[in-house]
Amino acid sequence: MACPICNRDTDPKMRPFCSKRCADIDLGKWISGSYAIPSDDPDDLDEVLDALEREQTSPKPH
């Protein structure tokens, strides 16, 4: 099995990755939203638009 980040052989201790570095890179992608799946659901779009509207109208702390 190859590491999904760098394509090297995996380390059994870090499976499916080859190293802690590659595991951390993968975690960073999850946290940043890089692995997000696009949605065509109109309810999801409404939620995002509502959140953006609230953000623009709410007072910002200084």
N, C-alpha and C. Protein backbone atom coordinates (compact mmCIF):
# COMPACT_ATOMS: atom_id res chain seq x y z
N MET A 1 0.85 -1.17 0.00
CA MET A 1 0.00 0.00 0.00
C MET A 1 0.89 1.23 0.00
N ALA A 2 0.51 2.24 -0.75
CA ALA A 2 1.29 3.47 -0.87
C ALA A 2 0.65 4.59 -0.05
N CYS A 3 1.49 5.46 0.48
CA CYS A 3 1.05 6.62 1.25
C CYS A 3 0.22 7.52 0.33
N PRO A 4 -0.97 7.95 0.77
CA PRO A 4 -1.80 8.78 -0.08
C PRO A 4 -1.26 10.20 -0.28
N ILE A 5 -0.28 10.61 0.51
CA ILE A 5 0.28 11.95 0.39
C ILE A 5 1.50 11.96 -0.53
N CYS A 6 2.48 11.05 -0.28
CA CYS A 6 3.73 11.10 -1.05
C CYS A 6 3.98 9.87 -1.92
N ASN A 7 3.13 8.88 -1.81
CA ASN A 7 3.21 7.67 -2.62
C ASN A 7 4.35 6.72 -2.24
N ARG A 8 4.97 6.91 -1.08
CA ARG A 8 5.99 5.97 -0.59
C ARG A 8 5.29 4.78 0.06
N ASP A 9 6.08 3.74 0.36
CA ASP A 9 5.53 2.59 1.08
C ASP A 9 5.10 3.03 2.47
N THR A 10 4.02 2.46 2.97
CA THR A 10 3.49 2.85 4.28
C THR A 10 4.30 2.20 5.40
N ASP A 11 4.25 2.86 6.54
CA ASP A 11 4.85 2.34 7.77
C ASP A 11 3.70 1.70 8.56
N PRO A 12 3.83 0.45 8.97
CA PRO A 12 2.72 -0.19 9.71
C PRO A 12 2.27 0.59 10.93
N LYS A 13 3.18 1.33 11.57
CA LYS A 13 2.82 2.12 12.75
C LYS A 13 1.99 3.36 12.37
N MET A 14 2.15 3.85 11.16
CA MET A 14 1.49 5.09 10.74
C MET A 14 0.45 4.87 9.65
N ARG A 15 0.11 3.62 9.39
CA ARG A 15 -0.77 3.27 8.29
C ARG A 15 -2.03 4.11 8.26
N PRO A 16 -2.46 4.65 7.17
CA PRO A 16 -2.04 4.38 5.79
C PRO A 16 -0.93 5.31 5.31
N PHE A 17 -0.24 5.99 6.22
CA PHE A 17 0.81 6.94 5.82
C PHE A 17 2.19 6.33 6.01
N CYS A 18 3.19 7.00 5.47
CA CYS A 18 4.57 6.53 5.60
C CYS A 18 5.27 7.16 6.79
N SER A 19 4.75 8.29 7.28
CA SER A 19 5.42 9.00 8.36
C SER A 19 4.42 9.90 9.09
N LYS A 20 4.86 10.42 10.24
CA LYS A 20 4.03 11.36 10.99
C LYS A 20 3.84 12.64 10.17
N ARG A 21 4.86 13.02 9.43
CA ARG A 21 4.77 14.22 8.59
C ARG A 21 3.60 14.12 7.61
N CYS A 22 3.50 13.01 6.90
CA CYS A 22 2.41 12.83 5.94
C CYS A 22 1.05 12.76 6.65
N ALA A 23 1.02 12.13 7.83
CA ALA A 23 -0.22 12.08 8.59
C ALA A 23 -0.64 13.49 9.00
N ASP A 24 0.33 14.32 9.40
CA ASP A 24 0.03 15.70 9.79
C ASP A 24 -0.44 16.53 8.59
N ILE A 25 0.15 16.31 7.44
CA ILE A 25 -0.29 17.01 6.23
C ILE A 25 -1.74 16.66 5.93
N ASP A 26 -2.08 15.38 6.04
CA ASP A 26 -3.45 14.94 5.81
C ASP A 26 -4.42 15.57 6.81
N LEU A 27 -4.03 15.60 8.08
CA LEU A 27 -4.86 16.22 9.11
C LEU A 27 -5.08 17.70 8.81
N GLY A 28 -4.03 18.38 8.38
CA GLY A 28 -4.15 19.79 8.01
C GLY A 28 -5.14 20.01 6.88
N LYS A 29 -5.16 19.10 5.93
CA LYS A 29 -6.13 19.22 4.83
C LYS A 29 -7.56 19.05 5.33
N TRP A 30 -7.77 18.13 6.29
CA TRP A 30 -9.11 17.96 6.86
C TRP A 30 -9.53 19.20 7.62
N ILE A 31 -8.61 19.73 8.44
CA ILE A 31 -8.93 20.88 9.28
C ILE A 31 -9.21 22.12 8.43
N SER A 32 -8.45 22.31 7.35
CA SER A 32 -8.62 23.50 6.52
C SER A 32 -9.83 23.41 5.60
N GLY A 33 -10.40 22.21 5.46
CA GLY A 33 -11.56 22.04 4.58
C GLY A 33 -11.20 21.67 3.16
N SER A 34 -9.94 21.34 2.92
CA SER A 34 -9.52 20.96 1.57
C SER A 34 -10.22 19.70 1.07
N TYR A 35 -10.64 18.85 1.99
CA TYR A 35 -11.30 17.62 1.61
C TYR A 35 -12.83 17.75 1.57
N ALA A 36 -13.33 18.96 1.60
CA ALA A 36 -14.78 19.16 1.61
C ALA A 36 -15.40 18.66 0.30
N ILE A 37 -16.57 18.09 0.41
CA ILE A 37 -17.30 17.59 -0.76
C ILE A 37 -18.32 18.65 -1.16
N PRO A 38 -18.28 19.11 -2.42
CA PRO A 38 -19.25 20.11 -2.85
C PRO A 38 -20.68 19.58 -2.77
N SER A 39 -21.60 20.46 -2.44
CA SER A 39 -22.99 20.06 -2.31
C SER A 39 -23.87 20.84 -3.27
N ASP A 40 -24.84 20.16 -3.85
CA ASP A 40 -25.84 20.81 -4.70
C ASP A 40 -27.15 21.00 -3.96
N ASP A 41 -27.17 20.68 -2.68
CA ASP A 41 -28.37 20.78 -1.87
C ASP A 41 -28.71 22.26 -1.63
N PRO A 42 -29.88 22.72 -2.05
CA PRO A 42 -30.24 24.14 -1.87
C PRO A 42 -30.29 24.55 -0.40
N ASP A 43 -30.60 23.62 0.51
CA ASP A 43 -30.61 23.96 1.93
C ASP A 43 -29.21 24.34 2.42
N ASP A 44 -28.18 23.66 1.90
CA ASP A 44 -26.81 24.00 2.28
C ASP A 44 -26.46 25.41 1.83
N LEU A 45 -26.86 25.77 0.63
CA LEU A 45 -26.59 27.10 0.11
C LEU A 45 -27.29 28.16 0.96
N ASP A 46 -28.54 27.89 1.34
CA ASP A 46 -29.27 28.84 2.18
C ASP A 46 -28.58 29.04 3.52
N GLU A 47 -28.06 27.97 4.11
CA GLU A 47 -27.37 28.07 5.40
C GLU A 47 -26.11 28.93 5.27
N VAL A 48 -25.36 28.74 4.21
CA VAL A 48 -24.15 29.52 4.00
C VAL A 48 -24.48 30.99 3.79
N LEU A 49 -25.47 31.27 2.98
CA LEU A 49 -25.86 32.66 2.73
C LEU A 49 -26.36 33.33 4.01
N ASP A 50 -27.13 32.62 4.81
CA ASP A 50 -27.59 33.16 6.09
C ASP A 50 -26.41 33.46 7.02
N ALA A 51 -25.46 32.56 7.08
CA ALA A 51 -24.28 32.76 7.94
C ALA A 51 -23.47 33.96 7.48
N LEU A 52 -23.30 34.12 6.18
CA LEU A 52 -22.57 35.27 5.66
C LEU A 52 -23.30 36.57 5.95
N GLU A 53 -24.60 36.55 5.83
CA GLU A 53 -25.40 37.75 6.11
C GLU A 53 -25.29 38.13 7.59
N ARG A 54 -25.37 37.14 8.47
CA ARG A 54 -25.23 37.42 9.91
C ARG A 54 -23.85 37.98 10.23
N GLU A 55 -22.85 37.44 9.57
CA GLU A 55 -21.47 37.90 9.80
C GLU A 55 -21.29 39.35 9.37
N GLN A 56 -21.92 39.74 8.29
CA GLN A 56 -21.78 41.10 7.78
C GLN A 56 -22.57 42.11 8.60
N THR A 57 -23.64 41.69 9.22
CA THR A 57 -24.49 42.62 9.96
C THR A 57 -24.16 42.68 11.44
N SER A 58 -23.42 41.69 11.96
CA SER A 58 -23.12 41.69 13.40
C SER A 58 -21.93 42.62 13.67
N PRO A 59 -21.98 43.31 14.82
CA PRO A 59 -20.86 44.20 15.16
C PRO A 59 -19.60 43.38 15.42
N LYS A 60 -18.50 43.90 14.98
CA LYS A 60 -17.22 43.21 15.16
C LYS A 60 -16.52 43.75 16.39
N PRO A 61 -16.00 42.85 17.24
CA PRO A 61 -15.25 43.32 18.42
C PRO A 61 -13.93 43.93 17.99
N HIS A 62 -13.48 44.92 18.73
CA HIS A 62 -12.22 45.58 18.38
C HIS A 62 -11.13 45.13 19.27
